[in-house]
Amino acid sequence: MKRRFALLAGLCLLLMVYAACGGGGDDDDRDEQADDDDSTPIDNSDDDDNNDDSADDDDDDFDENDCGLSEYLVGEWQDEENENLTLLILGNYQYYIYPTNDNLAILHEGQGSVDDCTFTFADTGGEDACGNDGVYKFNVSAFQLKLRVENDNCNARVNKLGDANFERL
């Protein structure tokens, strides 16, 4: 009998602590808390595809000061205008540029690097490989990558990436 009483008393105490810590509020209180929660990720899919929270400049302008998170560069990207061109960037910024329908025909491959809002392409191989580096400004979001040439003497790479808009595959 003493065990049951102790167990019941322990459960009651647990329920009181739970209610005191906010676990016993109604659903409206939890909804208000969720609205005030700053940890909720922001979906900028309708935004201007950069890292600010405004949609004021939702156009094709290239924002050099707000390029997005460089972590978003990693992935497989398809050129929006030339759907036959794919850019694959790996986690260490190694990259491959190839025809979308033939990932065995590598046009450019190499090791890239990121500095602020620039991505540097340094070809190490590929059918159209160049011996010099190409520096490009980027704007990136979870779903879109825009590249603008800053300094690249490789015409083959500039023709593919110079003013390109990619969407994530």
N, C-alpha and C. Protein backbone atom coordinates (compact mmCIF):
# COMPACT_ATOMS: atom_id res chain seq x y z
N MET A 1 0.82 -1.18 0.00
CA MET A 1 0.00 0.00 0.00
C MET A 1 0.87 1.26 0.00
N LYS A 2 1.97 1.22 0.79
CA LYS A 2 2.86 2.37 0.84
C LYS A 2 3.51 2.60 -0.51
N ARG A 3 3.80 1.51 -1.26
CA ARG A 3 4.39 1.64 -2.59
C ARG A 3 3.45 2.35 -3.55
N ARG A 4 2.16 1.93 -3.51
CA ARG A 4 1.18 2.58 -4.40
C ARG A 4 1.06 4.04 -4.08
N PHE A 5 1.02 4.39 -2.82
CA PHE A 5 0.89 5.78 -2.43
C PHE A 5 2.12 6.57 -2.89
N ALA A 6 3.29 6.00 -2.71
CA ALA A 6 4.52 6.68 -3.13
C ALA A 6 4.54 6.85 -4.65
N LEU A 7 4.11 5.86 -5.39
CA LEU A 7 4.05 5.94 -6.85
C LEU A 7 3.06 7.00 -7.29
N LEU A 8 1.87 7.02 -6.66
CA LEU A 8 0.84 8.00 -6.98
C LEU A 8 1.33 9.40 -6.65
N ALA A 9 1.98 9.56 -5.52
CA ALA A 9 2.49 10.87 -5.11
C ALA A 9 3.57 11.33 -6.10
N GLY A 10 4.41 10.41 -6.53
CA GLY A 10 5.45 10.74 -7.50
C GLY A 10 4.87 11.18 -8.83
N LEU A 11 3.83 10.48 -9.30
CA LEU A 11 3.17 10.86 -10.56
C LEU A 11 2.51 12.22 -10.44
N CYS A 12 1.86 12.50 -9.33
CA CYS A 12 1.24 13.80 -9.12
C CYS A 12 2.28 14.91 -9.14
N LEU A 13 3.39 14.68 -8.48
CA LEU A 13 4.47 15.66 -8.44
C LEU A 13 5.01 15.91 -9.86
N LEU A 14 5.17 14.85 -10.62
CA LEU A 14 5.65 14.97 -11.99
C LEU A 14 4.69 15.78 -12.85
N LEU A 15 3.39 15.54 -12.70
CA LEU A 15 2.38 16.29 -13.46
C LEU A 15 2.39 17.76 -13.07
N MET A 16 2.57 18.06 -11.80
CA MET A 16 2.61 19.46 -11.36
C MET A 16 3.83 20.16 -11.95
N VAL A 17 4.97 19.50 -11.95
CA VAL A 17 6.18 20.09 -12.53
C VAL A 17 6.00 20.31 -14.03
N TYR A 18 5.40 19.34 -14.69
CA TYR A 18 5.13 19.45 -16.13
C TYR A 18 4.25 20.65 -16.42
N ALA A 19 3.17 20.82 -15.66
CA ALA A 19 2.25 21.94 -15.86
C ALA A 19 2.94 23.26 -15.55
N ALA A 20 3.77 23.31 -14.52
CA ALA A 20 4.45 24.54 -14.14
C ALA A 20 5.47 24.97 -15.19
N CYS A 21 6.01 24.03 -15.91
CA CYS A 21 7.01 24.34 -16.94
C CYS A 21 6.39 24.67 -18.28
N GLY A 22 5.09 24.80 -18.35
CA GLY A 22 4.45 25.18 -19.60
C GLY A 22 3.89 24.03 -20.38
N GLY A 23 4.01 22.85 -19.91
CA GLY A 23 3.50 21.68 -20.62
C GLY A 23 2.00 21.53 -20.52
N GLY A 24 1.38 22.26 -19.62
CA GLY A 24 -0.05 22.09 -19.43
C GLY A 24 -0.88 23.20 -20.02
N GLY A 25 -0.27 24.13 -20.79
CA GLY A 25 -1.02 25.24 -21.38
C GLY A 25 -1.93 24.76 -22.49
N ASP A 26 -2.83 25.67 -22.92
CA ASP A 26 -3.73 25.28 -24.02
C ASP A 26 -3.03 25.45 -25.36
N ASP A 27 -3.68 24.99 -26.42
CA ASP A 27 -3.07 25.02 -27.75
C ASP A 27 -2.79 26.43 -28.23
N ASP A 28 -3.64 27.42 -27.84
CA ASP A 28 -3.43 28.78 -28.29
C ASP A 28 -2.12 29.34 -27.77
N ASP A 29 -1.75 29.01 -26.52
CA ASP A 29 -0.49 29.48 -25.96
C ASP A 29 0.68 28.90 -26.75
N ARG A 30 0.61 27.64 -27.12
CA ARG A 30 1.70 27.03 -27.88
C ARG A 30 1.80 27.66 -29.26
N ASP A 31 0.67 27.99 -29.89
CA ASP A 31 0.71 28.64 -31.19
C ASP A 31 1.38 30.00 -31.10
N GLU A 32 1.08 30.77 -30.03
CA GLU A 32 1.70 32.07 -29.86
C GLU A 32 3.19 31.92 -29.63
N GLN A 33 3.59 30.91 -28.86
CA GLN A 33 5.00 30.70 -28.62
C GLN A 33 5.70 30.33 -29.92
N ALA A 34 5.09 29.54 -30.75
CA ALA A 34 5.70 29.15 -32.03
C ALA A 34 5.85 30.35 -32.94
N ASP A 35 4.86 31.30 -32.90
CA ASP A 35 4.96 32.49 -33.73
C ASP A 35 6.12 33.38 -33.30
N ASP A 36 6.45 33.38 -32.00
CA ASP A 36 7.52 34.20 -31.48
C ASP A 36 8.88 33.52 -31.55
N ASP A 37 8.94 32.29 -31.96
CA ASP A 37 10.17 31.51 -31.95
C ASP A 37 11.07 31.95 -33.09
N ASP A 38 12.26 32.47 -32.76
CA ASP A 38 13.20 32.93 -33.77
C ASP A 38 13.94 31.80 -34.45
N SER A 39 13.82 30.58 -33.94
CA SER A 39 14.57 29.47 -34.51
C SER A 39 13.87 28.85 -35.71
N THR A 40 12.67 29.30 -36.03
CA THR A 40 11.96 28.77 -37.17
C THR A 40 12.65 29.20 -38.45
N PRO A 41 13.00 28.27 -39.34
CA PRO A 41 13.69 28.65 -40.58
C PRO A 41 12.79 29.50 -41.46
N ILE A 42 13.41 30.44 -42.16
CA ILE A 42 12.67 31.32 -43.06
C ILE A 42 12.70 30.73 -44.45
N ASP A 43 11.55 30.66 -45.08
CA ASP A 43 11.46 30.16 -46.44
C ASP A 43 11.49 31.36 -47.37
N ASN A 44 12.61 31.56 -48.07
CA ASN A 44 12.74 32.67 -48.97
C ASN A 44 12.51 32.26 -50.42
N SER A 45 11.75 31.21 -50.65
CA SER A 45 11.58 30.74 -52.02
C SER A 45 10.87 31.77 -52.89
N ASP A 46 10.08 32.67 -52.28
CA ASP A 46 9.44 33.73 -53.04
C ASP A 46 10.19 35.04 -52.89
N ASP A 47 11.32 35.00 -52.22
CA ASP A 47 12.12 36.18 -51.96
C ASP A 47 13.01 36.45 -53.16
N ASP A 48 13.94 37.35 -52.97
CA ASP A 48 14.82 37.75 -54.05
C ASP A 48 16.05 36.87 -54.18
N ASP A 49 16.00 35.69 -53.57
CA ASP A 49 17.02 34.67 -53.68
C ASP A 49 18.37 35.09 -53.10
N ASN A 50 18.33 36.00 -52.18
CA ASN A 50 19.55 36.26 -51.43
C ASN A 50 19.25 36.12 -49.96
N ASN A 51 20.15 36.51 -49.12
CA ASN A 51 20.06 36.17 -47.72
C ASN A 51 19.31 37.19 -46.88
N ASP A 52 18.76 38.25 -47.49
CA ASP A 52 17.98 39.17 -46.69
C ASP A 52 16.54 38.71 -46.64
N ASP A 53 15.75 39.37 -45.81
CA ASP A 53 14.37 38.94 -45.62
C ASP A 53 13.38 39.80 -46.39
N SER A 54 13.85 40.59 -47.33
CA SER A 54 12.94 41.45 -48.07
C SER A 54 12.71 40.89 -49.47
N ALA A 55 11.55 41.22 -50.00
CA ALA A 55 11.24 40.82 -51.36
C ALA A 55 11.23 42.04 -52.26
N ASP A 56 11.75 43.17 -51.74
CA ASP A 56 11.69 44.43 -52.47
C ASP A 56 12.44 44.39 -53.78
N ASP A 57 13.55 43.66 -53.82
CA ASP A 57 14.32 43.62 -55.05
C ASP A 57 14.17 42.27 -55.75
N ASP A 58 12.94 41.80 -55.83
CA ASP A 58 12.63 40.53 -56.46
C ASP A 58 12.70 40.67 -57.98
N ASP A 59 13.89 40.75 -58.51
CA ASP A 59 14.06 40.87 -59.95
C ASP A 59 15.37 40.21 -60.33
N ASP A 60 15.83 40.50 -61.51
CA ASP A 60 17.04 39.85 -61.99
C ASP A 60 18.31 40.61 -61.62
N ASP A 61 18.19 41.68 -60.81
CA ASP A 61 19.38 42.39 -60.39
C ASP A 61 20.29 41.47 -59.59
N PHE A 62 21.57 41.70 -59.72
CA PHE A 62 22.56 40.88 -59.05
C PHE A 62 23.04 41.64 -57.82
N ASP A 63 22.78 41.12 -56.64
CA ASP A 63 23.15 41.77 -55.39
C ASP A 63 24.54 41.30 -54.97
N GLU A 64 25.54 42.14 -55.14
CA GLU A 64 26.92 41.76 -54.83
C GLU A 64 27.21 41.78 -53.34
N ASN A 65 26.36 42.44 -52.55
CA ASN A 65 26.61 42.57 -51.11
C ASN A 65 25.93 41.50 -50.29
N ASP A 66 24.97 40.82 -50.85
CA ASP A 66 24.22 39.81 -50.10
C ASP A 66 24.11 38.57 -50.96
N CYS A 67 25.14 37.72 -50.91
CA CYS A 67 25.25 36.61 -51.86
C CYS A 67 24.62 35.32 -51.37
N GLY A 68 24.15 35.25 -50.14
CA GLY A 68 23.56 34.02 -49.61
C GLY A 68 24.60 33.19 -48.87
N LEU A 69 24.20 32.04 -48.44
CA LEU A 69 25.08 31.16 -47.68
C LEU A 69 25.92 30.30 -48.62
N SER A 70 27.23 30.32 -48.42
CA SER A 70 28.11 29.57 -49.33
C SER A 70 27.84 28.06 -49.23
N GLU A 71 27.27 27.60 -48.13
CA GLU A 71 26.94 26.17 -47.99
C GLU A 71 25.93 25.74 -49.05
N TYR A 72 25.10 26.70 -49.51
CA TYR A 72 24.11 26.38 -50.53
C TYR A 72 24.74 26.10 -51.89
N LEU A 73 26.00 26.47 -52.09
CA LEU A 73 26.66 26.20 -53.37
C LEU A 73 26.76 24.71 -53.66
N VAL A 74 26.89 23.92 -52.61
CA VAL A 74 27.08 22.47 -52.76
C VAL A 74 25.82 21.85 -53.33
N GLY A 75 25.97 21.13 -54.45
CA GLY A 75 24.83 20.46 -55.06
C GLY A 75 24.96 20.40 -56.57
N GLU A 76 23.90 19.94 -57.19
CA GLU A 76 23.87 19.80 -58.65
C GLU A 76 22.93 20.87 -59.20
N TRP A 77 23.44 21.64 -60.14
CA TRP A 77 22.74 22.80 -60.69
C TRP A 77 22.58 22.67 -62.20
N GLN A 78 21.41 23.07 -62.71
CA GLN A 78 21.17 23.05 -64.15
C GLN A 78 20.95 24.47 -64.62
N ASP A 79 21.60 24.83 -65.72
CA ASP A 79 21.45 26.16 -66.30
C ASP A 79 20.00 26.34 -66.74
N GLU A 80 19.37 27.44 -66.31
CA GLU A 80 17.96 27.68 -66.63
C GLU A 80 17.73 27.93 -68.11
N GLU A 81 18.67 28.60 -68.78
CA GLU A 81 18.50 28.89 -70.20
C GLU A 81 19.02 27.77 -71.08
N ASN A 82 20.20 27.27 -70.74
CA ASN A 82 20.81 26.17 -71.49
C ASN A 82 20.64 24.90 -70.66
N GLU A 83 19.49 24.28 -70.77
CA GLU A 83 19.17 23.13 -69.91
C GLU A 83 20.08 21.94 -70.14
N ASN A 84 20.98 22.05 -71.09
CA ASN A 84 21.91 20.95 -71.36
C ASN A 84 23.23 21.12 -70.61
N LEU A 85 23.30 22.08 -69.68
CA LEU A 85 24.53 22.31 -68.94
C LEU A 85 24.28 22.11 -67.45
N THR A 86 25.12 21.28 -66.82
CA THR A 86 25.00 21.01 -65.39
C THR A 86 26.31 21.36 -64.70
N LEU A 87 26.19 21.97 -63.54
CA LEU A 87 27.33 22.29 -62.68
C LEU A 87 27.15 21.52 -61.38
N LEU A 88 28.12 20.70 -61.05
CA LEU A 88 28.09 19.93 -59.81
C LEU A 88 29.21 20.46 -58.91
N ILE A 89 28.82 20.90 -57.70
CA ILE A 89 29.80 21.39 -56.72
C ILE A 89 29.72 20.49 -55.50
N LEU A 90 30.86 19.90 -55.15
CA LEU A 90 30.93 19.00 -54.00
C LEU A 90 31.26 19.79 -52.73
N GLY A 91 31.19 19.13 -51.59
CA GLY A 91 31.37 19.77 -50.30
C GLY A 91 32.71 20.45 -50.10
N ASN A 92 33.75 19.98 -50.76
CA ASN A 92 35.06 20.61 -50.67
C ASN A 92 35.28 21.61 -51.80
N TYR A 93 34.20 21.96 -52.52
CA TYR A 93 34.17 22.89 -53.65
C TYR A 93 34.86 22.34 -54.90
N GLN A 94 35.09 21.03 -54.93
CA GLN A 94 35.51 20.42 -56.19
C GLN A 94 34.30 20.52 -57.12
N TYR A 95 34.54 20.81 -58.39
CA TYR A 95 33.42 21.03 -59.31
C TYR A 95 33.59 20.26 -60.60
N TYR A 96 32.45 20.03 -61.25
CA TYR A 96 32.38 19.39 -62.56
C TYR A 96 31.34 20.13 -63.37
N ILE A 97 31.66 20.46 -64.60
CA ILE A 97 30.71 21.08 -65.53
C ILE A 97 30.58 20.11 -66.69
N TYR A 98 29.35 19.69 -66.97
CA TYR A 98 29.15 18.67 -68.00
C TYR A 98 27.77 18.83 -68.64
N PRO A 99 27.60 18.24 -69.85
CA PRO A 99 26.28 18.24 -70.47
C PRO A 99 25.30 17.46 -69.60
N THR A 100 24.11 17.99 -69.41
CA THR A 100 23.13 17.39 -68.52
C THR A 100 22.84 15.93 -68.86
N ASN A 101 22.79 15.62 -70.13
CA ASN A 101 22.44 14.26 -70.54
C ASN A 101 23.63 13.32 -70.65
N ASP A 102 24.84 13.82 -70.32
CA ASP A 102 26.03 12.99 -70.47
C ASP A 102 27.06 13.39 -69.41
N ASN A 103 26.90 12.85 -68.20
CA ASN A 103 27.81 13.25 -67.13
C ASN A 103 29.18 12.58 -67.25
N LEU A 104 29.41 11.80 -68.31
CA LEU A 104 30.73 11.23 -68.55
C LEU A 104 31.59 12.15 -69.40
N ALA A 105 30.95 13.09 -70.11
CA ALA A 105 31.68 14.05 -70.93
C ALA A 105 31.93 15.30 -70.09
N ILE A 106 33.00 15.31 -69.34
CA ILE A 106 33.32 16.44 -68.46
C ILE A 106 33.94 17.57 -69.29
N LEU A 107 33.31 18.74 -69.25
CA LEU A 107 33.82 19.90 -69.97
C LEU A 107 34.88 20.64 -69.15
N HIS A 108 34.61 20.82 -67.86
CA HIS A 108 35.55 21.44 -66.93
C HIS A 108 35.45 20.69 -65.62
N GLU A 109 36.59 20.44 -65.01
CA GLU A 109 36.60 19.92 -63.64
C GLU A 109 37.76 20.57 -62.92
N GLY A 110 37.62 20.69 -61.61
CA GLY A 110 38.71 21.31 -60.88
C GLY A 110 38.38 21.53 -59.43
N GLN A 111 39.20 22.33 -58.80
CA GLN A 111 39.03 22.66 -57.40
C GLN A 111 38.65 24.12 -57.29
N GLY A 112 37.49 24.36 -56.71
CA GLY A 112 37.05 25.72 -56.52
C GLY A 112 37.37 26.21 -55.12
N SER A 113 37.20 27.50 -54.92
CA SER A 113 37.37 28.08 -53.59
C SER A 113 36.40 29.25 -53.46
N VAL A 114 36.03 29.54 -52.22
CA VAL A 114 35.08 30.60 -51.93
C VAL A 114 35.76 31.65 -51.07
N ASP A 115 35.56 32.91 -51.43
CA ASP A 115 36.03 34.03 -50.63
C ASP A 115 34.94 35.10 -50.69
N ASP A 116 34.31 35.34 -49.54
CA ASP A 116 33.17 36.25 -49.47
C ASP A 116 32.13 35.82 -50.50
N CYS A 117 31.83 36.67 -51.45
CA CYS A 117 30.80 36.38 -52.45
C CYS A 117 31.38 35.99 -53.80
N THR A 118 32.61 35.47 -53.79
CA THR A 118 33.22 35.03 -55.05
C THR A 118 33.56 33.55 -55.00
N PHE A 119 33.42 32.92 -56.14
CA PHE A 119 33.80 31.52 -56.32
C PHE A 119 34.88 31.52 -57.39
N THR A 120 36.01 30.90 -57.09
CA THR A 120 37.11 30.80 -58.05
C THR A 120 37.15 29.39 -58.62
N PHE A 121 37.09 29.31 -59.94
CA PHE A 121 37.18 28.04 -60.66
C PHE A 121 38.63 27.86 -61.10
N ALA A 122 39.24 26.75 -60.71
CA ALA A 122 40.61 26.42 -61.11
C ALA A 122 40.57 25.05 -61.78
N ASP A 123 40.49 25.07 -63.11
CA ASP A 123 40.37 23.81 -63.86
C ASP A 123 41.60 22.93 -63.68
N THR A 124 41.35 21.64 -63.50
CA THR A 124 42.42 20.65 -63.47
C THR A 124 42.24 19.61 -64.57
N GLY A 125 41.13 19.69 -65.31
CA GLY A 125 40.88 18.74 -66.38
C GLY A 125 39.57 19.04 -67.07
N GLY A 126 39.24 18.20 -68.05
CA GLY A 126 38.02 18.37 -68.82
C GLY A 126 38.33 18.74 -70.26
N GLU A 127 37.37 18.49 -71.14
CA GLU A 127 37.55 18.73 -72.57
C GLU A 127 37.87 20.19 -72.89
N ASP A 128 37.27 21.14 -72.14
CA ASP A 128 37.46 22.57 -72.40
C ASP A 128 38.30 23.24 -71.30
N ALA A 129 39.10 22.47 -70.59
CA ALA A 129 39.85 22.99 -69.44
C ALA A 129 40.75 24.14 -69.84
N CYS A 130 40.91 25.06 -68.91
CA CYS A 130 41.79 26.21 -69.10
C CYS A 130 42.87 26.20 -68.03
N GLY A 131 43.99 26.81 -68.34
CA GLY A 131 45.11 26.82 -67.41
C GLY A 131 45.07 27.95 -66.40
N ASN A 132 44.11 28.86 -66.54
CA ASN A 132 44.04 29.97 -65.61
C ASN A 132 42.75 29.91 -64.78
N ASP A 133 42.79 30.59 -63.65
CA ASP A 133 41.62 30.62 -62.76
C ASP A 133 40.58 31.60 -63.28
N GLY A 134 39.33 31.32 -62.95
CA GLY A 134 38.24 32.23 -63.25
C GLY A 134 37.53 32.61 -61.98
N VAL A 135 37.34 33.91 -61.76
CA VAL A 135 36.70 34.41 -60.55
C VAL A 135 35.31 34.92 -60.91
N TYR A 136 34.31 34.43 -60.16
CA TYR A 136 32.91 34.75 -60.42
C TYR A 136 32.23 35.20 -59.13
N LYS A 137 31.41 36.25 -59.23
CA LYS A 137 30.53 36.64 -58.13
C LYS A 137 29.35 35.67 -58.15
N PHE A 138 28.83 35.35 -56.96
CA PHE A 138 27.67 34.48 -56.91
C PHE A 138 26.60 35.03 -55.98
N ASN A 139 25.36 34.70 -56.30
CA ASN A 139 24.19 34.84 -55.43
C ASN A 139 23.60 33.45 -55.37
N VAL A 140 23.34 32.94 -54.18
CA VAL A 140 22.82 31.58 -54.05
C VAL A 140 21.74 31.54 -52.99
N SER A 141 20.74 30.72 -53.26
CA SER A 141 19.71 30.39 -52.28
C SER A 141 19.59 28.87 -52.29
N ALA A 142 18.64 28.36 -51.60
CA ALA A 142 18.46 26.91 -51.56
C ALA A 142 18.10 26.36 -52.93
N PHE A 143 17.53 27.19 -53.81
CA PHE A 143 17.01 26.69 -55.08
C PHE A 143 17.59 27.35 -56.31
N GLN A 144 18.35 28.43 -56.16
CA GLN A 144 18.85 29.15 -57.32
C GLN A 144 20.28 29.61 -57.10
N LEU A 145 21.07 29.57 -58.18
CA LEU A 145 22.45 30.04 -58.17
C LEU A 145 22.64 30.95 -59.37
N LYS A 146 23.11 32.17 -59.11
CA LYS A 146 23.42 33.12 -60.18
C LYS A 146 24.92 33.37 -60.16
N LEU A 147 25.55 33.31 -61.33
CA LEU A 147 26.97 33.57 -61.46
C LEU A 147 27.18 34.75 -62.41
N ARG A 148 28.13 35.62 -62.07
CA ARG A 148 28.52 36.73 -62.92
C ARG A 148 30.04 36.76 -62.96
N VAL A 149 30.60 36.80 -64.16
CA VAL A 149 32.05 36.78 -64.31
C VAL A 149 32.64 38.06 -63.73
N GLU A 150 33.67 37.90 -62.94
CA GLU A 150 34.42 39.05 -62.41
C GLU A 150 35.76 39.16 -63.12
N ASN A 151 36.43 37.99 -63.28
CA ASN A 151 37.72 37.99 -63.96
C ASN A 151 37.99 36.57 -64.46
N ASP A 152 37.93 36.37 -65.76
CA ASP A 152 38.19 35.05 -66.34
C ASP A 152 38.64 35.22 -67.79
N ASN A 153 39.84 34.76 -68.10
CA ASN A 153 40.36 34.83 -69.46
C ASN A 153 40.08 33.57 -70.26
N CYS A 154 39.32 32.66 -69.70
CA CYS A 154 38.99 31.40 -70.38
C CYS A 154 37.63 31.55 -71.07
N ASN A 155 37.66 31.77 -72.39
CA ASN A 155 36.42 31.99 -73.13
C ASN A 155 35.46 30.81 -73.04
N ALA A 156 36.00 29.60 -73.03
CA ALA A 156 35.14 28.41 -72.96
C ALA A 156 34.35 28.39 -71.65
N ARG A 157 34.96 28.78 -70.56
CA ARG A 157 34.28 28.80 -69.27
C ARG A 157 33.34 30.00 -69.18
N VAL A 158 33.79 31.15 -69.68
CA VAL A 158 32.94 32.35 -69.66
C VAL A 158 31.66 32.12 -70.46
N ASN A 159 31.78 31.43 -71.60
CA ASN A 159 30.59 31.16 -72.41
C ASN A 159 29.58 30.29 -71.68
N LYS A 160 30.04 29.48 -70.77
CA LYS A 160 29.13 28.60 -70.02
C LYS A 160 28.62 29.25 -68.74
N LEU A 161 29.50 29.99 -68.05
CA LEU A 161 29.17 30.47 -66.70
C LEU A 161 29.07 31.99 -66.57
N GLY A 162 29.48 32.74 -67.57
CA GLY A 162 29.64 34.18 -67.46
C GLY A 162 28.46 34.96 -66.95
N ASP A 163 27.29 34.58 -67.31
CA ASP A 163 26.07 35.30 -66.90
C ASP A 163 24.98 34.25 -66.71
N ALA A 164 25.27 33.22 -65.93
CA ALA A 164 24.39 32.05 -65.85
C ALA A 164 23.48 32.09 -64.63
N ASN A 165 22.29 31.57 -64.82
CA ASN A 165 21.33 31.37 -63.75
C ASN A 165 21.02 29.88 -63.69
N PHE A 166 21.30 29.27 -62.54
CA PHE A 166 21.10 27.84 -62.37
C PHE A 166 19.98 27.58 -61.39
N GLU A 167 19.32 26.45 -61.59
CA GLU A 167 18.34 25.98 -60.60
C GLU A 167 18.81 24.63 -60.09
N ARG A 168 18.52 24.38 -58.81
CA ARG A 168 18.98 23.14 -58.20
C ARG A 168 18.20 21.96 -58.76
N LEU A 169 18.94 20.89 -59.07
CA LEU A 169 18.30 19.66 -59.54
C LEU A 169 17.89 18.80 -58.36
